[in-house]
Amino acid sequence: MMGGGRISYIRKILKRKNGNSTPTTVALVLGLLLLICAMAEFFRLMVIVQGVRDGVQQAVVAVMTTNYDEAYNGLREGYSGGYVRSGNQWVENLDYSDVYHRLDELLGTRRQGSYHVKVQAQESSGYEYRLSGLSVEITNTPLTPGNTSRNMEAEVRVSIEIPFSFGWGFMPPFQMEIRTKAAYMPKF
Protein backbone atom coordinates (compact mmCIF):
# COMPACT_ATOMS: atom_id res chain seq x y z
CA MET A 1 0.00 0.00 0.00
CA MET A 2 2.87 2.27 0.67
CA GLY A 3 3.99 2.07 -3.01
CA GLY A 4 0.43 2.78 -4.23
CA GLY A 5 0.29 5.96 -2.14
CA ARG A 6 3.48 7.26 -3.70
CA ILE A 7 2.23 6.59 -7.22
CA SER A 8 -1.01 8.45 -6.58
CA TYR A 9 0.95 11.36 -5.07
CA ILE A 10 3.20 11.50 -8.18
CA ARG A 11 0.09 11.42 -10.42
CA LYS A 12 -1.37 14.37 -8.51
CA ILE A 13 1.85 16.34 -8.99
CA LEU A 14 1.93 15.56 -12.72
CA LYS A 15 -1.73 16.58 -13.15
CA ARG A 16 -1.22 19.99 -11.59
CA LYS A 17 -1.17 22.81 -14.10
CA ASN A 18 0.97 25.35 -12.22
CA GLY A 19 4.41 25.57 -13.97
CA ASN A 20 4.85 21.91 -14.77
CA SER A 21 5.87 22.49 -18.34
CA THR A 22 8.73 24.89 -17.53
CA PRO A 23 11.41 22.20 -16.90
CA THR A 24 10.23 20.24 -19.93
CA THR A 25 10.37 23.35 -22.14
CA VAL A 26 13.84 24.25 -20.89
CA ALA A 27 15.08 20.69 -21.48
CA LEU A 28 13.54 20.68 -24.96
CA VAL A 29 15.13 24.04 -25.90
CA LEU A 30 18.54 22.95 -24.58
CA GLY A 31 18.28 19.65 -26.46
CA LEU A 32 17.41 21.45 -29.70
CA LEU A 33 20.26 23.91 -29.16
CA LEU A 34 22.69 21.04 -28.64
CA LEU A 35 21.37 19.30 -31.79
CA ILE A 36 21.80 22.50 -33.85
CA CYS A 37 25.37 22.93 -32.56
CA ALA A 38 26.20 19.32 -33.43
CA MET A 39 24.76 19.74 -36.93
CA ALA A 40 26.72 22.98 -37.45
CA GLU A 41 29.92 21.24 -36.35
CA PHE A 42 29.23 18.33 -38.70
CA PHE A 43 28.77 20.70 -41.65
CA ARG A 44 31.92 22.64 -40.70
CA LEU A 45 33.92 19.41 -40.73
CA MET A 46 32.40 18.42 -44.07
CA VAL A 47 33.31 21.77 -45.66
CA ILE A 48 36.92 21.60 -44.41
CA VAL A 49 37.41 17.98 -45.54
CA GLN A 50 35.88 18.72 -48.96
CA GLY A 51 38.13 21.75 -49.42
CA VAL A 52 41.24 19.76 -48.49
CA ARG A 53 40.15 16.87 -50.74
CA ASP A 54 39.76 19.33 -53.64
CA GLY A 55 43.22 20.76 -52.92
CA VAL A 56 44.78 17.29 -52.80
CA GLN A 57 43.01 16.45 -56.08
CA GLN A 58 44.44 19.58 -57.73
CA ALA A 59 47.91 18.73 -56.42
CA VAL A 60 47.80 15.16 -57.75
CA VAL A 61 46.52 16.40 -61.12
CA ALA A 62 49.52 18.76 -61.19
CA VAL A 63 51.83 15.79 -60.48
CA MET A 64 50.29 13.85 -63.36
CA THR A 65 50.62 16.91 -65.58
CA THR A 66 54.33 17.14 -64.76
CA ASN A 67 54.61 13.51 -65.86
CA TYR A 68 53.40 14.46 -69.35
CA ASP A 69 56.92 15.06 -70.58
CA GLU A 70 57.97 11.65 -69.22
CA ALA A 71 55.06 9.93 -70.99
CA TYR A 72 55.45 11.78 -74.29
CA ASN A 73 58.53 9.86 -75.47
CA GLY A 74 56.69 6.58 -75.05
CA LEU A 75 53.54 7.91 -76.71
CA ARG A 76 55.47 8.69 -79.86
CA GLU A 77 56.59 5.06 -79.99
CA GLY A 78 53.13 3.64 -79.18
CA TYR A 79 53.62 3.17 -75.41
CA SER A 80 51.36 4.91 -72.91
CA GLY A 81 53.49 4.95 -69.77
CA GLY A 82 56.28 7.05 -68.36
CA TYR A 83 59.27 5.43 -70.02
CA VAL A 84 62.37 6.80 -71.69
CA ARG A 85 64.63 5.10 -74.17
CA SER A 86 68.06 4.48 -72.66
CA GLY A 87 70.45 2.81 -75.04
CA ASN A 88 68.64 -0.22 -76.44
CA GLN A 89 65.96 -0.56 -73.74
CA TRP A 90 63.05 1.35 -72.19
CA VAL A 91 63.53 2.53 -68.59
CA GLU A 92 60.73 3.70 -66.27
CA ASN A 93 60.86 7.48 -65.76
CA LEU A 94 58.42 9.12 -63.32
CA ASP A 95 58.36 12.54 -61.64
CA TYR A 96 56.89 12.58 -58.14
CA SER A 97 57.19 16.37 -57.78
CA ASP A 98 56.67 18.10 -54.41
CA VAL A 99 53.00 17.58 -53.51
CA TYR A 100 53.32 19.19 -50.05
CA HIS A 101 54.66 22.37 -51.68
CA ARG A 102 51.70 22.43 -54.07
CA LEU A 103 49.29 21.82 -51.18
CA ASP A 104 50.85 24.65 -49.18
CA GLU A 105 50.28 26.98 -52.13
CA LEU A 106 46.71 25.79 -52.79
CA LEU A 107 45.45 25.53 -49.20
CA GLY A 108 47.50 28.22 -47.47
CA THR A 109 49.14 25.77 -45.07
CA ARG A 110 52.66 26.02 -43.71
CA ARG A 111 55.09 23.52 -42.26
CA GLN A 112 55.24 23.16 -38.46
CA GLY A 113 57.33 20.17 -37.43
CA SER A 114 55.96 17.04 -39.08
CA TYR A 115 52.63 18.73 -39.93
CA HIS A 116 51.42 21.17 -42.56
CA VAL A 117 49.07 23.45 -40.62
CA LYS A 118 46.30 25.84 -41.64
CA VAL A 119 46.49 28.46 -38.88
CA GLN A 120 43.39 30.25 -37.60
CA ALA A 121 43.19 34.02 -37.26
CA GLN A 122 46.25 35.83 -35.80
CA GLU A 123 44.62 36.45 -32.41
CA SER A 124 44.03 32.73 -31.89
CA SER A 125 46.83 30.30 -31.13
CA GLY A 126 44.90 27.32 -32.53
CA TYR A 127 44.75 25.75 -35.95
CA GLU A 128 41.91 25.05 -38.35
CA TYR A 129 43.36 21.73 -39.52
CA ARG A 130 46.69 20.02 -40.05
CA LEU A 131 47.92 17.52 -42.58
CA SER A 132 50.49 14.74 -42.19
CA GLY A 133 51.56 11.39 -43.59
CA LEU A 134 51.40 12.29 -47.27
CA SER A 135 52.12 9.39 -49.61
CA VAL A 136 52.15 9.48 -53.40
CA GLU A 137 52.13 6.26 -55.41
CA ILE A 138 52.43 6.45 -59.17
CA THR A 139 51.47 3.30 -61.03
CA ASN A 140 52.98 3.20 -64.47
CA THR A 141 51.31 1.35 -67.32
CA PRO A 142 52.98 -1.81 -68.56
CA LEU A 143 55.47 -1.43 -71.37
CA THR A 144 53.29 -2.76 -74.18
CA PRO A 145 52.67 -1.10 -77.53
CA GLY A 146 49.12 0.18 -77.93
CA ASN A 147 48.07 -0.80 -74.39
CA THR A 148 45.10 1.44 -73.57
CA SER A 149 43.46 -0.82 -70.99
CA ARG A 150 45.35 0.78 -68.08
CA ASN A 151 46.40 4.38 -67.58
CA MET A 152 49.30 5.86 -65.66
CA GLU A 153 47.72 6.68 -62.27
CA ALA A 154 48.77 8.54 -59.15
CA GLU A 155 47.15 7.82 -55.79
CA VAL A 156 47.63 10.29 -52.95
CA ARG A 157 46.86 9.67 -49.27
CA VAL A 158 47.08 12.29 -46.55
CA SER A 159 45.89 12.33 -42.93
CA ILE A 160 43.89 15.31 -41.72
CA GLU A 161 43.28 16.35 -38.12
CA ILE A 162 40.57 18.91 -37.31
CA PRO A 163 39.94 20.12 -33.75
CA PHE A 164 36.30 20.41 -32.72
CA SER A 165 35.07 23.97 -32.28
CA PHE A 166 33.03 23.06 -29.23
CA GLY A 167 33.75 20.55 -26.50
CA TRP A 168 36.09 22.96 -24.72
CA GLY A 169 39.20 20.90 -25.34
CA PHE A 170 37.84 17.72 -23.79
CA MET A 171 37.11 16.02 -27.11
CA PRO A 172 39.98 14.62 -29.19
CA PRO A 173 40.33 16.09 -32.68
CA PHE A 174 38.57 14.55 -35.66
CA GLN A 175 41.04 12.47 -37.72
CA MET A 176 40.67 10.77 -41.07
CA GLU A 177 42.65 9.78 -44.14
CA ILE A 178 41.85 11.45 -47.45
CA ARG A 179 42.53 9.44 -50.62
CA THR A 180 42.32 10.62 -54.18
CA LYS A 181 43.46 9.45 -57.60
CA ALA A 182 44.38 11.03 -60.90
CA ALA A 183 45.22 9.38 -64.21
CA TYR A 184 47.13 10.39 -67.28
CA MET A 185 45.16 9.24 -70.28
CA PRO A 186 46.46 9.76 -73.81
CA LYS A 187 43.90 11.27 -76.20
CA PHE A 188 44.71 8.94 -79.09
C-alpha atoms as a PDB file:
ATOM      1  CA  MET A   1       0.000   0.000   0.000  1.00  0.00           C
ATOM      2  CA  MET A   2       2.873   2.272   0.670  1.00  0.00           C
ATOM      3  CA  GLY A   3       3.994   2.075  -3.012  1.00  0.00           C
ATOM      4  CA  GLY A   4       0.433   2.777  -4.227  1.00  0.00           C
ATOM      5  CA  GLY A   5       0.290   5.957  -2.136  1.00  0.00           C
ATOM      6  CA  ARG A   6       3.480   7.263  -3.699  1.00  0.00           C
ATOM      7  CA  ILE A   7       2.230   6.592  -7.219  1.00  0.00           C
ATOM      8  CA  SER A   8      -1.010   8.451  -6.584  1.00  0.00           C
ATOM      9  CA  TYR A   9       0.952  11.356  -5.067  1.00  0.00           C
ATOM     10  CA  ILE A  10       3.200  11.505  -8.183  1.00  0.00           C
ATOM     11  CA  ARG A  11       0.090  11.419 -10.422  1.00  0.00           C
ATOM     12  CA  LYS A  12      -1.375  14.368  -8.510  1.00  0.00           C
ATOM     13  CA  ILE A  13       1.854  16.336  -8.989  1.00  0.00           C
ATOM     14  CA  LEU A  14       1.930  15.557 -12.721  1.00  0.00           C
ATOM     15  CA  LYS A  15      -1.729  16.577 -13.150  1.00  0.00           C
ATOM     16  CA  ARG A  16      -1.215  19.990 -11.592  1.00  0.00           C
ATOM     17  CA  LYS A  17      -1.168  22.809 -14.102  1.00  0.00           C
ATOM     18  CA  ASN A  18       0.966  25.346 -12.220  1.00  0.00           C
ATOM     19  CA  GLY A  19       4.415  25.571 -13.973  1.00  0.00           C
ATOM     20  CA  ASN A  20       4.848  21.909 -14.766  1.00  0.00           C
ATOM     21  CA  SER A  21       5.874  22.487 -18.343  1.00  0.00           C
ATOM     22  CA  THR A  22       8.729  24.892 -17.527  1.00  0.00           C
ATOM     23  CA  PRO A  23      11.411  22.202 -16.900  1.00  0.00           C
ATOM     24  CA  THR A  24      10.232  20.241 -19.930  1.00  0.00           C
ATOM     25  CA  THR A  25      10.366  23.346 -22.136  1.00  0.00           C
ATOM     26  CA  VAL A  26      13.842  24.253 -20.888  1.00  0.00           C
ATOM     27  CA  ALA A  27      15.082  20.691 -21.485  1.00  0.00           C
ATOM     28  CA  LEU A  28      13.543  20.677 -24.964  1.00  0.00           C
ATOM     29  CA  VAL A  29      15.131  24.037 -25.898  1.00  0.00           C
ATOM     30  CA  LEU A  30      18.541  22.946 -24.577  1.00  0.00           C
ATOM     31  CA  GLY A  31      18.278  19.647 -26.460  1.00  0.00           C
ATOM     32  CA  LEU A  32      17.409  21.445 -29.703  1.00  0.00           C
ATOM     33  CA  LEU A  33      20.256  23.907 -29.162  1.00  0.00           C
ATOM     34  CA  LEU A  34      22.693  21.039 -28.643  1.00  0.00           C
ATOM     35  CA  LEU A  35      21.374  19.305 -31.787  1.00  0.00           C
ATOM     36  CA  ILE A  36      21.802  22.499 -33.854  1.00  0.00           C
ATOM     37  CA  CYS A  37      25.369  22.929 -32.556  1.00  0.00           C
ATOM     38  CA  ALA A  38      26.198  19.317 -33.428  1.00  0.00           C
ATOM     39  CA  MET A  39      24.765  19.742 -36.930  1.00  0.00           C
ATOM     40  CA  ALA A  40      26.719  22.984 -37.446  1.00  0.00           C
ATOM     41  CA  GLU A  41      29.920  21.236 -36.351  1.00  0.00           C
ATOM     42  CA  PHE A  42      29.235  18.332 -38.701  1.00  0.00           C
ATOM     43  CA  PHE A  43      28.768  20.696 -41.650  1.00  0.00           C
ATOM     44  CA  ARG A  44      31.917  22.643 -40.698  1.00  0.00           C
ATOM     45  CA  LEU A  45      33.924  19.407 -40.728  1.00  0.00           C
ATOM     46  CA  MET A  46      32.399  18.417 -44.073  1.00  0.00           C
ATOM     47  CA  VAL A  47      33.309  21.769 -45.662  1.00  0.00           C
ATOM     48  CA  ILE A  48      36.918  21.600 -44.408  1.00  0.00           C
ATOM     49  CA  VAL A  49      37.409  17.985 -45.540  1.00  0.00           C
ATOM     50  CA  GLN A  50      35.877  18.716 -48.961  1.00  0.00           C
ATOM     51  CA  GLY A  51      38.134  21.749 -49.417  1.00  0.00           C
ATOM     52  CA  VAL A  52      41.236  19.760 -48.491  1.00  0.00           C
ATOM     53  CA  ARG A  53      40.152  16.872 -50.741  1.00  0.00           C
ATOM     54  CA  ASP A  54      39.756  19.333 -53.644  1.00  0.00           C
ATOM     55  CA  GLY A  55      43.219  20.759 -52.920  1.00  0.00           C
ATOM     56  CA  VAL A  56      44.779  17.293 -52.803  1.00  0.00           C
ATOM     57  CA  GLN A  57      43.015  16.451 -56.077  1.00  0.00           C
ATOM     58  CA  GLN A  58      44.438  19.576 -57.727  1.00  0.00           C
ATOM     59  CA  ALA A  59      47.913  18.729 -56.424  1.00  0.00           C
ATOM     60  CA  VAL A  60      47.798  15.164 -57.750  1.00  0.00           C
ATOM     61  CA  VAL A  61      46.518  16.396 -61.119  1.00  0.00           C
ATOM     62  CA  ALA A  62      49.516  18.757 -61.190  1.00  0.00           C
ATOM     63  CA  VAL A  63      51.825  15.795 -60.484  1.00  0.00           C
ATOM     64  CA  MET A  64      50.289  13.853 -63.361  1.00  0.00           C
ATOM     65  CA  THR A  65      50.621  16.914 -65.584  1.00  0.00           C
ATOM     66  CA  THR A  66      54.326  17.140 -64.757  1.00  0.00           C
ATOM     67  CA  ASN A  67      54.612  13.513 -65.863  1.00  0.00           C
ATOM     68  CA  TYR A  68      53.397  14.456 -69.350  1.00  0.00           C
ATOM     69  CA  ASP A  69      56.922  15.061 -70.578  1.00  0.00           C
ATOM     70  CA  GLU A  70      57.971  11.648 -69.219  1.00  0.00           C
ATOM     71  CA  ALA A  71      55.056   9.933 -70.993  1.00  0.00           C
ATOM     72  CA  TYR A  72      55.452  11.784 -74.291  1.00  0.00           C
ATOM     73  CA  ASN A  73      58.531   9.863 -75.468  1.00  0.00           C
ATOM     74  CA  GLY A  74      56.694   6.580 -75.052  1.00  0.00           C
ATOM     75  CA  LEU A  75      53.543   7.914 -76.707  1.00  0.00           C
ATOM     76  CA  ARG A  76      55.475   8.690 -79.856  1.00  0.00           C
ATOM     77  CA  GLU A  77      56.588   5.061 -79.992  1.00  0.00           C
ATOM     78  CA  GLY A  78      53.127   3.643 -79.178  1.00  0.00           C
ATOM     79  CA  TYR A  79      53.621   3.166 -75.409  1.00  0.00           C
ATOM     80  CA  SER A  80      51.362   4.908 -72.911  1.00  0.00           C
ATOM     81  CA  GLY A  81      53.488   4.951 -69.774  1.00  0.00           C
ATOM     82  CA  GLY A  82      56.280   7.050 -68.356  1.00  0.00           C
ATOM     83  CA  TYR A  83      59.270   5.432 -70.025  1.00  0.00           C
ATOM     84  CA  VAL A  84      62.369   6.800 -71.692  1.00  0.00           C
ATOM     85  CA  ARG A  85      64.629   5.102 -74.169  1.00  0.00           C
ATOM     86  CA  SER A  86      68.061   4.483 -72.662  1.00  0.00           C
ATOM     87  CA  GLY A  87      70.446   2.814 -75.041  1.00  0.00           C
ATOM     88  CA  ASN A  88      68.644  -0.219 -76.439  1.00  0.00           C
ATOM     89  CA  GLN A  89      65.956  -0.561 -73.742  1.00  0.00           C
ATOM     90  CA  TRP A  90      63.055   1.345 -72.192  1.00  0.00           C
ATOM     91  CA  VAL A  91      63.532   2.529 -68.588  1.00  0.00           C
ATOM     92  CA  GLU A  92      60.729   3.701 -66.274  1.00  0.00           C
ATOM     93  CA  ASN A  93      60.862   7.478 -65.759  1.00  0.00           C
ATOM     94  CA  LEU A  94      58.419   9.122 -63.321  1.00  0.00           C
ATOM     95  CA  ASP A  95      58.360  12.538 -61.643  1.00  0.00           C
ATOM     96  CA  TYR A  96      56.891  12.579 -58.135  1.00  0.00           C
ATOM     97  CA  SER A  97      57.194  16.375 -57.779  1.00  0.00           C
ATOM     98  CA  ASP A  98      56.669  18.095 -54.413  1.00  0.00           C
ATOM     99  CA  VAL A  99      53.000  17.575 -53.512  1.00  0.00           C
ATOM    100  CA  TYR A 100      53.322  19.188 -50.050  1.00  0.00           C
ATOM    101  CA  HIS A 101      54.663  22.371 -51.675  1.00  0.00           C
ATOM    102  CA  ARG A 102      51.703  22.425 -54.069  1.00  0.00           C
ATOM    103  CA  LEU A 103      49.286  21.817 -51.179  1.00  0.00           C
ATOM    104  CA  ASP A 104      50.855  24.653 -49.179  1.00  0.00           C
ATOM    105  CA  GLU A 105      50.276  26.979 -52.126  1.00  0.00           C
ATOM    106  CA  LEU A 106      46.715  25.791 -52.788  1.00  0.00           C
ATOM    107  CA  LEU A 107      45.451  25.533 -49.203  1.00  0.00           C
ATOM    108  CA  GLY A 108      47.502  28.218 -47.472  1.00  0.00           C
ATOM    109  CA  THR A 109      49.135  25.774 -45.068  1.00  0.00           C
ATOM    110  CA  ARG A 110      52.659  26.024 -43.706  1.00  0.00           C
ATOM    111  CA  ARG A 111      55.086  23.524 -42.261  1.00  0.00           C
ATOM    112  CA  GLN A 112      55.241  23.162 -38.464  1.00  0.00           C
ATOM    113  CA  GLY A 113      57.328  20.172 -37.434  1.00  0.00           C
ATOM    114  CA  SER A 114      55.964  17.044 -39.083  1.00  0.00           C
ATOM    115  CA  TYR A 115      52.629  18.729 -39.925  1.00  0.00           C
ATOM    116  CA  HIS A 116      51.425  21.167 -42.557  1.00  0.00           C
ATOM    117  CA  VAL A 117      49.074  23.445 -40.620  1.00  0.00           C
ATOM    118  CA  LYS A 118      46.296  25.837 -41.641  1.00  0.00           C
ATOM    119  CA  VAL A 119      46.492  28.458 -38.882  1.00  0.00           C
ATOM    120  CA  GLN A 120      43.386  30.250 -37.605  1.00  0.00           C
ATOM    121  CA  ALA A 121      43.191  34.024 -37.260  1.00  0.00           C
ATOM    122  CA  GLN A 122      46.246  35.827 -35.799  1.00  0.00           C
ATOM    123  CA  GLU A 123      44.622  36.452 -32.412  1.00  0.00           C
ATOM    124  CA  SER A 124      44.035  32.733 -31.890  1.00  0.00           C
ATOM    125  CA  SER A 125      46.833  30.302 -31.133  1.00  0.00           C
ATOM    126  CA  GLY A 126      44.903  27.316 -32.530  1.00  0.00           C
ATOM    127  CA  TYR A 127      44.753  25.750 -35.947  1.00  0.00           C
ATOM    128  CA  GLU A 128      41.911  25.054 -38.354  1.00  0.00           C
ATOM    129  CA  TYR A 129      43.361  21.730 -39.516  1.00  0.00           C
ATOM    130  CA  ARG A 130      46.688  20.022 -40.046  1.00  0.00           C
ATOM    131  CA  LEU A 131      47.922  17.522 -42.584  1.00  0.00           C
ATOM    132  CA  SER A 132      50.494  14.744 -42.186  1.00  0.00           C
ATOM    133  CA  GLY A 133      51.558  11.388 -43.588  1.00  0.00           C
ATOM    134  CA  LEU A 134      51.397  12.288 -47.271  1.00  0.00           C
ATOM    135  CA  SER A 135      52.123   9.391 -49.609  1.00  0.00           C
ATOM    136  CA  VAL A 136      52.151   9.483 -53.401  1.00  0.00           C
ATOM    137  CA  GLU A 137      52.125   6.264 -55.410  1.00  0.00           C
ATOM    138  CA  ILE A 138      52.430   6.453 -59.172  1.00  0.00           C
ATOM    139  CA  THR A 139      51.472   3.299 -61.032  1.00  0.00           C
ATOM    140  CA  ASN A 140      52.984   3.200 -64.466  1.00  0.00           C
ATOM    141  CA  THR A 141      51.311   1.352 -67.319  1.00  0.00           C
ATOM    142  CA  PRO A 142      52.976  -1.812 -68.562  1.00  0.00           C
ATOM    143  CA  LEU A 143      55.468  -1.426 -71.369  1.00  0.00           C
ATOM    144  CA  THR A 144      53.294  -2.762 -74.175  1.00  0.00           C
ATOM    145  CA  PRO A 145      52.674  -1.098 -77.526  1.00  0.00           C
ATOM    146  CA  GLY A 146      49.122   0.185 -77.929  1.00  0.00           C
ATOM    147  CA  ASN A 147      48.069  -0.796 -74.386  1.00  0.00           C
ATOM    148  CA  THR A 148      45.100   1.442 -73.568  1.00  0.00           C
ATOM    149  CA  SER A 149      43.455  -0.822 -70.991  1.00  0.00           C
ATOM    150  CA  ARG A 150      45.347   0.783 -68.085  1.00  0.00           C
ATOM    151  CA  ASN A 151      46.401   4.383 -67.580  1.00  0.00           C
ATOM    152  CA  MET A 152      49.298   5.856 -65.661  1.00  0.00           C
ATOM    153  CA  GLU A 153      47.725   6.677 -62.266  1.00  0.00           C
ATOM    154  CA  ALA A 154      48.768   8.535 -59.147  1.00  0.00           C
ATOM    155  CA  GLU A 155      47.145   7.823 -55.795  1.00  0.00           C
ATOM    156  CA  VAL A 156      47.633  10.290 -52.949  1.00  0.00           C
ATOM    157  CA  ARG A 157      46.858   9.673 -49.275  1.00  0.00           C
ATOM    158  CA  VAL A 158      47.084  12.289 -46.553  1.00  0.00           C
ATOM    159  CA  SER A 159      45.893  12.328 -42.934  1.00  0.00           C
ATOM    160  CA  ILE A 160      43.886  15.312 -41.722  1.00  0.00           C
ATOM    161  CA  GLU A 161      43.276  16.348 -38.122  1.00  0.00           C
ATOM    162  CA  ILE A 162      40.573  18.911 -37.305  1.00  0.00           C
ATOM    163  CA  PRO A 163      39.941  20.122 -33.749  1.00  0.00           C
ATOM    164  CA  PHE A 164      36.300  20.408 -32.720  1.00  0.00           C
ATOM    165  CA  SER A 165      35.068  23.973 -32.285  1.00  0.00           C
ATOM    166  CA  PHE A 166      33.035  23.061 -29.227  1.00  0.00           C
ATOM    167  CA  GLY A 167      33.752  20.548 -26.504  1.00  0.00           C
ATOM    168  CA  TRP A 168      36.087  22.960 -24.720  1.00  0.00           C
ATOM    169  CA  GLY A 169      39.204  20.901 -25.336  1.00  0.00           C
ATOM    170  CA  PHE A 170      37.837  17.715 -23.792  1.00  0.00           C
ATOM    171  CA  MET A 171      37.109  16.019 -27.113  1.00  0.00           C
ATOM    172  CA  PRO A 172      39.979  14.618 -29.187  1.00  0.00           C
ATOM    173  CA  PRO A 173      40.329  16.094 -32.683  1.00  0.00           C
ATOM    174  CA  PHE A 174      38.571  14.545 -35.663  1.00  0.00           C
ATOM    175  CA  GLN A 175      41.037  12.471 -37.717  1.00  0.00           C
ATOM    176  CA  MET A 176      40.668  10.766 -41.071  1.00  0.00           C
ATOM    177  CA  GLU A 177      42.648   9.776 -44.142  1.00  0.00           C
ATOM    178  CA  ILE A 178      41.853  11.445 -47.451  1.00  0.00           C
ATOM    179  CA  ARG A 179      42.529   9.436 -50.615  1.00  0.00           C
ATOM    180  CA  THR A 180      42.317  10.621 -54.179  1.00  0.00           C
ATOM    181  CA  LYS A 181      43.459   9.452 -57.604  1.00  0.00           C
ATOM    182  CA  ALA A 182      44.385  11.033 -60.905  1.00  0.00           C
ATOM    183  CA  ALA A 183      45.224   9.381 -64.206  1.00  0.00           C
ATOM    184  CA  TYR A 184      47.134  10.389 -67.284  1.00  0.00           C
ATOM    185  CA  MET A 185      45.158   9.240 -70.277  1.00  0.00           C
ATOM    186  CA  PRO A 186      46.455   9.758 -73.813  1.00  0.00           C
ATOM    187  CA  LYS A 187      43.896  11.271 -76.200  1.00  0.00           C
ATOM    188  CA  PHE A 188      44.705   8.941 -79.086  1.00  0.00           C
END
